[in-house]
PDB file of all heavy atoms in Angstrom:
ATOM      1  N   ALA A   1       0.819  -1.209  -0.005  1.00  0.00           N
ATOM      2  CA  ALA A   1       0.015   0.000  -0.023  1.00  0.00           C
ATOM      3  C   ALA A   1       0.888   1.240  -0.006  1.00  0.00           C
ATOM      4  O   ALA A   1       0.607   2.222  -0.770  1.00  0.00           O
ATOM      5  CB  ALA A   1      -0.936  -0.015   1.218  1.00  0.00           C
ATOM      6  N   LEU A   2       1.932   1.242   0.789  1.00  0.00           N
ATOM      7  CA  LEU A   2       2.818   2.406   0.852  1.00  0.00           C
ATOM      8  C   LEU A   2       3.532   2.564  -0.474  1.00  0.00           C
ATOM      9  O   LEU A   2       3.695   3.726  -0.953  1.00  0.00           O
ATOM     10  CB  LEU A   2       3.793   2.292   2.015  1.00  0.00           C
ATOM     11  CG  LEU A   2       3.228   2.432   3.383  1.00  0.00           C
ATOM     12  CD1 LEU A   2       4.274   2.073   4.459  1.00  0.00           C
ATOM     13  CD2 LEU A   2       2.638   3.829   3.614  1.00  0.00           C
ATOM     14  N   LEU A   3       3.979   1.535  -1.035  1.00  0.00           N
ATOM     15  CA  LEU A   3       4.692   1.619  -2.349  1.00  0.00           C
ATOM     16  C   LEU A   3       3.762   2.130  -3.429  1.00  0.00           C
ATOM     17  O   LEU A   3       4.184   2.982  -4.265  1.00  0.00           O
ATOM     18  CB  LEU A   3       5.240   0.214  -2.812  1.00  0.00           C
ATOM     19  CG  LEU A   3       6.484  -0.218  -2.099  1.00  0.00           C
ATOM     20  CD1 LEU A   3       6.812  -1.641  -2.484  1.00  0.00           C
ATOM     21  CD2 LEU A   3       7.669   0.700  -2.455  1.00  0.00           C
ATOM     22  N   ARG A   4       2.458   1.738  -3.484  1.00  0.00           N
ATOM     23  CA  ARG A   4       1.512   2.263  -4.446  1.00  0.00           C
ATOM     24  C   ARG A   4       1.424   3.787  -4.298  1.00  0.00           C
ATOM     25  O   ARG A   4       1.413   4.527  -5.253  1.00  0.00           O
ATOM     26  CB  ARG A   4       0.154   1.615  -4.283  1.00  0.00           C
ATOM     27  CG  ARG A   4       0.048   0.262  -4.949  1.00  0.00           C
ATOM     28  CD  ARG A   4      -1.422  -0.240  -4.977  1.00  0.00           C
ATOM     29  NE  ARG A   4      -2.033  -0.327  -3.669  1.00  0.00           N
ATOM     30  CZ  ARG A   4      -1.966  -1.399  -2.874  1.00  0.00           C
ATOM     31  NH1 ARG A   4      -1.259  -2.449  -3.306  1.00  0.00           N
ATOM     32  NH2 ARG A   4      -2.547  -1.452  -1.720  1.00  0.00           N
ATOM     33  N   GLU A   5       1.283   4.311  -3.058  1.00  0.00           N
ATOM     34  CA  GLU A   5       1.135   5.695  -2.820  1.00  0.00           C
ATOM     35  C   GLU A   5       2.451   6.465  -3.219  1.00  0.00           C
ATOM     36  O   GLU A   5       2.362   7.500  -3.800  1.00  0.00           O
ATOM     37  CB  GLU A   5       0.834   5.957  -1.321  1.00  0.00           C
ATOM     38  CG  GLU A   5      -0.610   5.606  -0.980  1.00  0.00           C
ATOM     39  CD  GLU A   5      -1.633   6.257  -1.803  1.00  0.00           C
ATOM     40  OE1 GLU A   5      -1.573   7.527  -2.033  1.00  0.00           O
ATOM     41  OE2 GLU A   5      -2.583   5.574  -2.285  1.00  0.00           O
ATOM     42  N   MET A   6       3.602   5.860  -2.924  1.00  0.00           N
ATOM     43  CA  MET A   6       4.843   6.514  -3.330  1.00  0.00           C
ATOM     44  C   MET A   6       4.946   6.621  -4.826  1.00  0.00           C
ATOM     45  O   MET A   6       5.371   7.634  -5.367  1.00  0.00           O
ATOM     46  CB  MET A   6       6.070   5.775  -2.718  1.00  0.00           C
ATOM     47  CG  MET A   6       6.155   5.945  -1.185  1.00  0.00           C
ATOM     48  SD  MET A   6       7.643   5.307  -0.412  1.00  0.00           S
ATOM     49  CE  MET A   6       8.020   3.819  -1.165  1.00  0.00           C
ATOM     50  N   TRP A   7       4.622   5.543  -5.578  1.00  0.00           N
ATOM     51  CA  TRP A   7       4.709   5.581  -7.062  1.00  0.00           C
ATOM     52  C   TRP A   7       3.805   6.602  -7.610  1.00  0.00           C
ATOM     53  O   TRP A   7       4.118   7.365  -8.484  1.00  0.00           O
ATOM     54  CB  TRP A   7       4.383   4.211  -7.646  1.00  0.00           C
ATOM     55  CG  TRP A   7       5.352   3.118  -7.272  1.00  0.00           C
ATOM     56  CD1 TRP A   7       6.678   3.207  -7.074  1.00  0.00           C
ATOM     57  CD2 TRP A   7       5.017   1.768  -7.069  1.00  0.00           C
ATOM     58  NE1 TRP A   7       7.197   1.968  -6.792  1.00  0.00           N
ATOM     59  CE2 TRP A   7       6.200   1.051  -6.819  1.00  0.00           C
ATOM     60  CE3 TRP A   7       3.853   0.973  -7.168  1.00  0.00           C
ATOM     61  CZ2 TRP A   7       6.266  -0.329  -6.559  1.00  0.00           C
ATOM     62  CZ3 TRP A   7       3.885  -0.358  -6.950  1.00  0.00           C
ATOM     63  CH2 TRP A   7       5.070  -0.983  -6.658  1.00  0.00           C
ATOM     64  N   HIS A   8       2.588   6.712  -7.051  1.00  0.00           N
ATOM     65  CA  HIS A   8       1.567   7.648  -7.465  1.00  0.00           C
ATOM     66  C   HIS A   8       2.081   9.087  -7.239  1.00  0.00           C
ATOM     67  O   HIS A   8       1.988   9.964  -8.101  1.00  0.00           O
ATOM     68  CB  HIS A   8       0.239   7.416  -6.792  1.00  0.00           C
ATOM     69  CG  HIS A   8      -0.906   8.201  -7.310  1.00  0.00           C
ATOM     70  ND1 HIS A   8      -1.354   9.335  -6.737  1.00  0.00           N
ATOM     71  CD2 HIS A   8      -1.688   7.913  -8.384  1.00  0.00           C
ATOM     72  CE1 HIS A   8      -2.365   9.809  -7.432  1.00  0.00           C
ATOM     73  NE2 HIS A   8      -2.580   8.986  -8.418  1.00  0.00           N
ATOM     74  N   LEU A   9       2.598   9.344  -6.062  1.00  0.00           N
ATOM     75  CA  LEU A   9       3.076  10.658  -5.708  1.00  0.00           C
ATOM     76  C   LEU A   9       4.331  11.032  -6.528  1.00  0.00           C
ATOM     77  O   LEU A   9       4.485  12.217  -6.922  1.00  0.00           O
ATOM     78  CB  LEU A   9       3.409  10.764  -4.175  1.00  0.00           C
ATOM     79  CG  LEU A   9       2.181  10.801  -3.256  1.00  0.00           C
ATOM     80  CD1 LEU A   9       2.594  10.673  -1.867  1.00  0.00           C
ATOM     81  CD2 LEU A   9       1.372  12.031  -3.501  1.00  0.00           C
ATOM     82  N   ASP A  10       5.185  10.067  -6.826  1.00  0.00           N
ATOM     83  CA  ASP A  10       6.339  10.301  -7.688  1.00  0.00           C
ATOM     84  C   ASP A  10       5.852  10.848  -9.039  1.00  0.00           C
ATOM     85  O   ASP A  10       6.441  11.751  -9.606  1.00  0.00           O
ATOM     86  CB  ASP A  10       7.186   9.073  -7.902  1.00  0.00           C
ATOM     87  CG  ASP A  10       8.070   8.705  -6.712  1.00  0.00           C
ATOM     88  OD1 ASP A  10       8.278   9.544  -5.839  1.00  0.00           O
ATOM     89  OD2 ASP A  10       8.616   7.603  -6.734  1.00  0.00           O
ATOM     90  N   GLY A  11       4.806  10.199  -9.579  1.00  0.00           N
ATOM     91  CA  GLY A  11       4.237  10.670 -10.855  1.00  0.00           C
ATOM     92  C   GLY A  11       3.722  12.067 -10.731  1.00  0.00           C
ATOM     93  O   GLY A  11       3.965  12.910 -11.631  1.00  0.00           O
ATOM     94  N   LYS A  12       2.999  12.453  -9.681  1.00  0.00           N
ATOM     95  CA  LYS A  12       2.469  13.751  -9.521  1.00  0.00           C
ATOM     96  C   LYS A  12       3.591  14.758  -9.412  1.00  0.00           C
ATOM     97  O   LYS A  12       3.514  15.851 -10.014  1.00  0.00           O
ATOM     98  CB  LYS A  12       1.550  13.801  -8.310  1.00  0.00           C
ATOM     99  CG  LYS A  12       0.200  13.159  -8.494  1.00  0.00           C
ATOM    100  CD  LYS A  12      -0.670  13.297  -7.337  1.00  0.00           C
ATOM    101  CE  LYS A  12      -1.269  14.646  -7.208  1.00  0.00           C
ATOM    102  NZ  LYS A  12      -2.399  14.778  -6.214  1.00  0.00           N
ATOM    103  N   VAL A  13       4.630  14.447  -8.588  1.00  0.00           N
ATOM    104  CA  VAL A  13       5.733  15.415  -8.442  1.00  0.00           C
ATOM    105  C   VAL A  13       6.408  15.642  -9.785  1.00  0.00           C
ATOM    106  O   VAL A  13       6.739  16.807 -10.122  1.00  0.00           O
ATOM    107  CB  VAL A  13       6.723  14.861  -7.366  1.00  0.00           C
ATOM    108  CG1 VAL A  13       8.027  15.655  -7.444  1.00  0.00           C
ATOM    109  CG2 VAL A  13       6.139  14.867  -5.999  1.00  0.00           C
ATOM    110  N   ASP A  14       6.665  14.581 -10.565  1.00  0.00           N
ATOM    111  CA  ASP A  14       7.269  14.731 -11.846  1.00  0.00           C
ATOM    112  C   ASP A  14       6.404  15.549 -12.789  1.00  0.00           C
ATOM    113  O   ASP A  14       6.879  16.370 -13.625  1.00  0.00           O
ATOM    114  CB  ASP A  14       7.621  13.391 -12.458  1.00  0.00           C
ATOM    115  CG  ASP A  14       8.742  12.717 -11.760  1.00  0.00           C
ATOM    116  OD1 ASP A  14       9.481  13.294 -10.920  1.00  0.00           O
ATOM    117  OD2 ASP A  14       8.976  11.479 -12.016  1.00  0.00           O
ATOM    118  N   ALA A  15       5.100  15.407 -12.683  1.00  0.00           N
ATOM    119  CA  ALA A  15       4.158  16.220 -13.554  1.00  0.00           C
ATOM    120  C   ALA A  15       4.283  17.734 -13.191  1.00  0.00           C
ATOM    121  O   ALA A  15       4.372  18.515 -14.076  1.00  0.00           O
ATOM    122  CB  ALA A  15       2.747  15.717 -13.354  1.00  0.00           C
ATOM    123  N   PHE A  16       4.269  17.951 -11.900  1.00  0.00           N
ATOM    124  CA  PHE A  16       4.422  19.357 -11.506  1.00  0.00           C
ATOM    125  C   PHE A  16       5.801  19.929 -11.939  1.00  0.00           C
ATOM    126  O   PHE A  16       5.912  21.097 -12.324  1.00  0.00           O
ATOM    127  CB  PHE A  16       4.181  19.567 -10.018  1.00  0.00           C
ATOM    128  CG  PHE A  16       2.768  19.577  -9.583  1.00  0.00           C
ATOM    129  CD1 PHE A  16       2.216  18.498  -8.876  1.00  0.00           C
ATOM    130  CD2 PHE A  16       1.942  20.587  -9.954  1.00  0.00           C
ATOM    131  CE1 PHE A  16       0.915  18.521  -8.458  1.00  0.00           C
ATOM    132  CE2 PHE A  16       0.606  20.604  -9.566  1.00  0.00           C
ATOM    133  CZ  PHE A  16       0.054  19.536  -8.866  1.00  0.00           C
ATOM    134  N   GLN A  17       6.818  19.108 -11.909  1.00  0.00           N
ATOM    135  CA  GLN A  17       8.159  19.573 -12.392  1.00  0.00           C
ATOM    136  C   GLN A  17       8.069  19.838 -13.880  1.00  0.00           C
ATOM    137  O   GLN A  17       8.654  20.857 -14.317  1.00  0.00           O
ATOM    138  CB  GLN A  17       9.221  18.512 -12.086  1.00  0.00           C
ATOM    139  CG  GLN A  17      10.635  18.932 -12.465  1.00  0.00           C
ATOM    140  CD  GLN A  17      11.070  20.109 -11.638  1.00  0.00           C
ATOM    141  OE1 GLN A  17      11.058  20.129 -10.414  1.00  0.00           O
ATOM    142  NE2 GLN A  17      11.498  21.234 -12.251  1.00  0.00           N
ATOM    143  N   PHE A  18       7.393  19.033 -14.650  1.00  0.00           N
ATOM    144  CA  PHE A  18       7.221  19.273 -16.087  1.00  0.00           C
ATOM    145  C   PHE A  18       6.544  20.616 -16.337  1.00  0.00           C
ATOM    146  O   PHE A  18       6.926  21.435 -17.114  1.00  0.00           O
ATOM    147  CB  PHE A  18       6.403  18.145 -16.743  1.00  0.00           C
ATOM    148  CG  PHE A  18       5.994  18.446 -18.148  1.00  0.00           C
ATOM    149  CD1 PHE A  18       6.864  18.312 -19.193  1.00  0.00           C
ATOM    150  CD2 PHE A  18       4.761  18.971 -18.449  1.00  0.00           C
ATOM    151  CE1 PHE A  18       6.511  18.590 -20.470  1.00  0.00           C
ATOM    152  CE2 PHE A  18       4.390  19.291 -19.729  1.00  0.00           C
ATOM    153  CZ  PHE A  18       5.276  19.094 -20.766  1.00  0.00           C
ATOM    154  N   VAL A  19       5.422  20.877 -15.524  1.00  0.00           N
ATOM    155  CA  VAL A  19       4.700  22.132 -15.662  1.00  0.00           C
ATOM    156  C   VAL A  19       5.626  23.272 -15.324  1.00  0.00           C
ATOM    157  O   VAL A  19       5.605  24.325 -15.958  1.00  0.00           O
ATOM    158  CB  VAL A  19       3.456  22.102 -14.808  1.00  0.00           C
ATOM    159  CG1 VAL A  19       2.782  23.477 -14.693  1.00  0.00           C
ATOM    160  CG2 VAL A  19       2.458  21.006 -15.251  1.00  0.00           C
ATOM    161  N   TRP A  20       6.388  23.153 -14.279  1.00  0.00           N
ATOM    162  CA  TRP A  20       7.369  24.186 -13.848  1.00  0.00           C
ATOM    163  C   TRP A  20       8.328  24.402 -15.007  1.00  0.00           C
ATOM    164  O   TRP A  20       8.610  25.572 -15.328  1.00  0.00           O
ATOM    165  CB  TRP A  20       8.076  23.698 -12.599  1.00  0.00           C
ATOM    166  CG  TRP A  20       9.016  24.701 -12.001  1.00  0.00           C
ATOM    167  CD1 TRP A  20      10.316  24.851 -12.315  1.00  0.00           C
ATOM    168  CD2 TRP A  20       8.686  25.690 -11.030  1.00  0.00           C
ATOM    169  NE1 TRP A  20      10.823  25.888 -11.569  1.00  0.00           N
ATOM    170  CE2 TRP A  20       9.895  26.416 -10.719  1.00  0.00           C
ATOM    171  CE3 TRP A  20       7.538  26.005 -10.326  1.00  0.00           C
ATOM    172  CZ2 TRP A  20       9.928  27.437  -9.818  1.00  0.00           C
ATOM    173  CZ3 TRP A  20       7.594  27.002  -9.425  1.00  0.00           C
ATOM    174  CH2 TRP A  20       8.769  27.710  -9.115  1.00  0.00           C
ATOM    175  N   ASP A  21       8.899  23.355 -15.551  1.00  0.00           N
ATOM    176  CA  ASP A  21       9.904  23.491 -16.588  1.00  0.00           C
ATOM    177  C   ASP A  21       9.379  24.146 -17.881  1.00  0.00           C
ATOM    178  O   ASP A  21      10.115  24.841 -18.562  1.00  0.00           O
ATOM    179  CB  ASP A  21      10.550  22.123 -16.951  1.00  0.00           C
ATOM    180  CG  ASP A  21      11.374  21.580 -15.793  1.00  0.00           C
ATOM    181  OD1 ASP A  21      11.719  22.351 -14.856  1.00  0.00           O
ATOM    182  OD2 ASP A  21      11.599  20.353 -15.794  1.00  0.00           O
ATOM    183  N   CYS A  22       8.097  23.940 -18.148  1.00  0.00           N
ATOM    184  CA  CYS A  22       7.536  24.546 -19.381  1.00  0.00           C
ATOM    185  C   CYS A  22       6.802  25.862 -19.060  1.00  0.00           C
ATOM    186  O   CYS A  22       6.013  26.359 -19.844  1.00  0.00           O
ATOM    187  CB  CYS A  22       6.593  23.582 -20.131  1.00  0.00           C
ATOM    188  SG  CYS A  22       5.023  23.268 -19.380  1.00  0.00           S
ATOM    189  N   ALA A  23       7.135  26.418 -17.887  1.00  0.00           N
ATOM    190  CA  ALA A  23       6.601  27.755 -17.456  1.00  0.00           C
ATOM    191  C   ALA A  23       5.068  27.846 -17.438  1.00  0.00           C
ATOM    192  O   ALA A  23       4.503  28.862 -17.635  1.00  0.00           O
ATOM    193  CB  ALA A  23       7.203  28.807 -18.365  1.00  0.00           C
ATOM    194  N   GLY A  24       4.433  26.673 -17.209  1.00  0.00           N
ATOM    195  CA  GLY A  24       2.938  26.728 -17.134  1.00  0.00           C
ATOM    196  C   GLY A  24       2.227  27.020 -18.371  1.00  0.00           C
ATOM    197  O   GLY A  24       1.098  27.472 -18.355  1.00  0.00           O
ATOM    198  N   VAL A  25       2.880  26.770 -19.516  1.00  0.00           N
ATOM    199  CA  VAL A  25       2.199  27.049 -20.845  1.00  0.00           C
ATOM    200  C   VAL A  25       1.113  25.964 -21.019  1.00  0.00           C
ATOM    201  O   VAL A  25       1.466  24.755 -21.204  1.00  0.00           O
ATOM    202  CB  VAL A  25       3.235  27.045 -21.996  1.00  0.00           C
ATOM    203  CG1 VAL A  25       2.531  27.242 -23.306  1.00  0.00           C
ATOM    204  CG2 VAL A  25       4.273  28.155 -21.746  1.00  0.00           C
ATOM    205  N   LEU A  26      -0.099  26.384 -21.007  1.00  0.00           N
ATOM    206  CA  LEU A  26      -1.225  25.408 -21.062  1.00  0.00           C
ATOM    207  C   LEU A  26      -1.240  24.561 -22.312  1.00  0.00           C
ATOM    208  O   LEU A  26      -1.532  23.359 -22.208  1.00  0.00           O
ATOM    209  CB  LEU A  26      -2.565  26.150 -20.902  1.00  0.00           C
ATOM    210  CG  LEU A  26      -2.850  26.608 -19.518  1.00  0.00           C
ATOM    211  CD1 LEU A  26      -4.158  27.474 -19.467  1.00  0.00           C
ATOM    212  CD2 LEU A  26      -2.999  25.454 -18.528  1.00  0.00           C
ATOM    213  N   SER A  27      -0.899  25.087 -23.417  1.00  0.00           N
ATOM    214  CA  SER A  27      -0.842  24.302 -24.654  1.00  0.00           C
ATOM    215  C   SER A  27       0.157  23.128 -24.588  1.00  0.00           C
ATOM    216  O   SER A  27      -0.184  21.997 -25.003  1.00  0.00           O
ATOM    217  CB  SER A  27      -0.516  25.104 -25.917  1.00  0.00           C
ATOM    218  OG  SER A  27       0.746  25.768 -25.776  1.00  0.00           O
ATOM    219  N   GLN A  28       1.315  23.361 -23.938  1.00  0.00           N
ATOM    220  CA  GLN A  28       2.259  22.287 -23.729  1.00  0.00           C
ATOM    221  C   GLN A  28       1.803  21.281 -22.767  1.00  0.00           C
ATOM    222  O   GLN A  28       1.986  20.081 -22.951  1.00  0.00           O
ATOM    223  CB  GLN A  28       3.582  22.857 -23.298  1.00  0.00           C
ATOM    224  CG  GLN A  28       4.345  23.653 -24.308  1.00  0.00           C
ATOM    225  CD  GLN A  28       5.678  24.192 -23.841  1.00  0.00           C
ATOM    226  OE1 GLN A  28       6.018  24.036 -22.642  1.00  0.00           O
ATOM    227  NE2 GLN A  28       6.407  24.851 -24.684  1.00  0.00           N
ATOM    228  N   ILE A  29       1.121  21.713 -21.678  1.00  0.00           N
ATOM    229  CA  ILE A  29       0.641  20.787 -20.718  1.00  0.00           C
ATOM    230  C   ILE A  29      -0.528  19.974 -21.256  1.00  0.00           C
ATOM    231  O   ILE A  29      -0.513  18.732 -21.045  1.00  0.00           O
ATOM    232  CB  ILE A  29       0.121  21.578 -19.444  1.00  0.00           C
ATOM    233  CG1 ILE A  29       1.284  22.413 -18.839  1.00  0.00           C
ATOM    234  CG2 ILE A  29      -0.429  20.629 -18.424  1.00  0.00           C
ATOM    235  CD1 ILE A  29       0.826  23.433 -17.869  1.00  0.00           C
ATOM    236  N   ARG A  30      -1.411  20.586 -22.000  1.00  0.00           N
ATOM    237  CA  ARG A  30      -2.495  19.824 -22.619  1.00  0.00           C
ATOM    238  C   ARG A  30      -1.950  18.787 -23.641  1.00  0.00           C
ATOM    239  O   ARG A  30      -2.490  17.684 -23.689  1.00  0.00           O
ATOM    240  CB  ARG A  30      -3.451  20.774 -23.284  1.00  0.00           C
ATOM    241  CG  ARG A  30      -4.282  21.522 -22.279  1.00  0.00           C
ATOM    242  CD  ARG A  30      -5.397  22.349 -22.884  1.00  0.00           C
ATOM    243  NE  ARG A  30      -6.164  23.053 -21.867  1.00  0.00           N
ATOM    244  CZ  ARG A  30      -6.207  24.334 -21.714  1.00  0.00           C
ATOM    245  NH1 ARG A  30      -5.512  25.194 -22.564  1.00  0.00           N
ATOM    246  NH2 ARG A  30      -6.942  24.909 -20.748  1.00  0.00           N
ATOM    247  N   SER A  31      -0.972  19.139 -24.339  1.00  0.00           N
ATOM    248  CA  SER A  31      -0.347  18.211 -25.311  1.00  0.00           C
ATOM    249  C   SER A  31       0.253  17.040 -24.537  1.00  0.00           C
ATOM    250  O   SER A  31       0.095  15.831 -24.942  1.00  0.00           O
ATOM    251  CB  SER A  31       0.748  18.970 -26.090  1.00  0.00           C
ATOM    252  OG  SER A  31       1.395  18.044 -26.969  1.00  0.00           O
ATOM    253  N   LYS A  32       0.876  17.297 -23.389  1.00  0.00           N
ATOM    254  CA  LYS A  32       1.457  16.237 -22.599  1.00  0.00           C
ATOM    255  C   LYS A  32       0.402  15.336 -22.024  1.00  0.00           C
ATOM    256  O   LYS A  32       0.513  14.089 -21.955  1.00  0.00           O
ATOM    257  CB  LYS A  32       2.334  16.799 -21.460  1.00  0.00           C
ATOM    258  CG  LYS A  32       3.015  15.743 -20.648  1.00  0.00           C
ATOM    259  CD  LYS A  32       3.912  14.848 -21.470  1.00  0.00           C
ATOM    260  CE  LYS A  32       5.336  15.252 -21.325  1.00  0.00           C
ATOM    261  NZ  LYS A  32       6.262  14.280 -21.984  1.00  0.00           N
ATOM    262  N   VAL A  33      -0.767  15.953 -21.605  1.00  0.00           N
ATOM    263  CA  VAL A  33      -1.907  15.143 -21.094  1.00  0.00           C
ATOM    264  C   VAL A  33      -2.380  14.153 -22.203  1.00  0.00           C
ATOM    265  O   VAL A  33      -2.539  12.969 -21.955  1.00  0.00           O
ATOM    266  CB  VAL A  33      -3.083  16.051 -20.677  1.00  0.00           C
ATOM    267  CG1 VAL A  33      -4.369  15.229 -20.549  1.00  0.00           C
ATOM    268  CG2 VAL A  33      -2.722  16.792 -19.375  1.00  0.00           C
ATOM    269  N   GLN A  34      -2.480  14.633 -23.391  1.00  0.00           N
ATOM    270  CA  GLN A  34      -2.919  13.784 -24.485  1.00  0.00           C
ATOM    271  C   GLN A  34      -1.894  12.652 -24.723  1.00  0.00           C
ATOM    272  O   GLN A  34      -2.277  11.531 -24.950  1.00  0.00           O
ATOM    273  CB  GLN A  34      -3.097  14.659 -25.770  1.00  0.00           C
ATOM    274  CG  GLN A  34      -3.684  13.827 -26.926  1.00  0.00           C
ATOM    275  CD  GLN A  34      -3.872  14.705 -28.170  1.00  0.00           C
ATOM    276  OE1 GLN A  34      -3.669  15.932 -28.127  1.00  0.00           O
ATOM    277  NE2 GLN A  34      -4.388  14.100 -29.255  1.00  0.00           N
ATOM    278  N   GLU A  35      -0.672  13.004 -24.684  1.00  0.00           N
ATOM    279  CA  GLU A  35       0.406  12.021 -24.864  1.00  0.00           C
ATOM    280  C   GLU A  35       0.321  10.888 -23.834  1.00  0.00           C
ATOM    281  O   GLU A  35       0.416   9.693 -24.107  1.00  0.00           O
ATOM    282  CB  GLU A  35       1.767  12.709 -24.869  1.00  0.00           C
ATOM    283  CG  GLU A  35       2.951  11.803 -25.044  1.00  0.00           C
ATOM    284  CD  GLU A  35       4.239  12.565 -24.818  1.00  0.00           C
ATOM    285  OE1 GLU A  35       4.327  13.692 -25.322  1.00  0.00           O
ATOM    286  OE2 GLU A  35       5.140  12.027 -24.181  1.00  0.00           O
TER     287      GLU A  35
END
């Protein structure tokens, strides 16, 4: 159960890092969502 939560949170943290790195440009984020 703890490993599942850690994997899930790792994904969320990496997503926020992606958003940070692309300066919050919605078109880039939406494209990544689709991908």
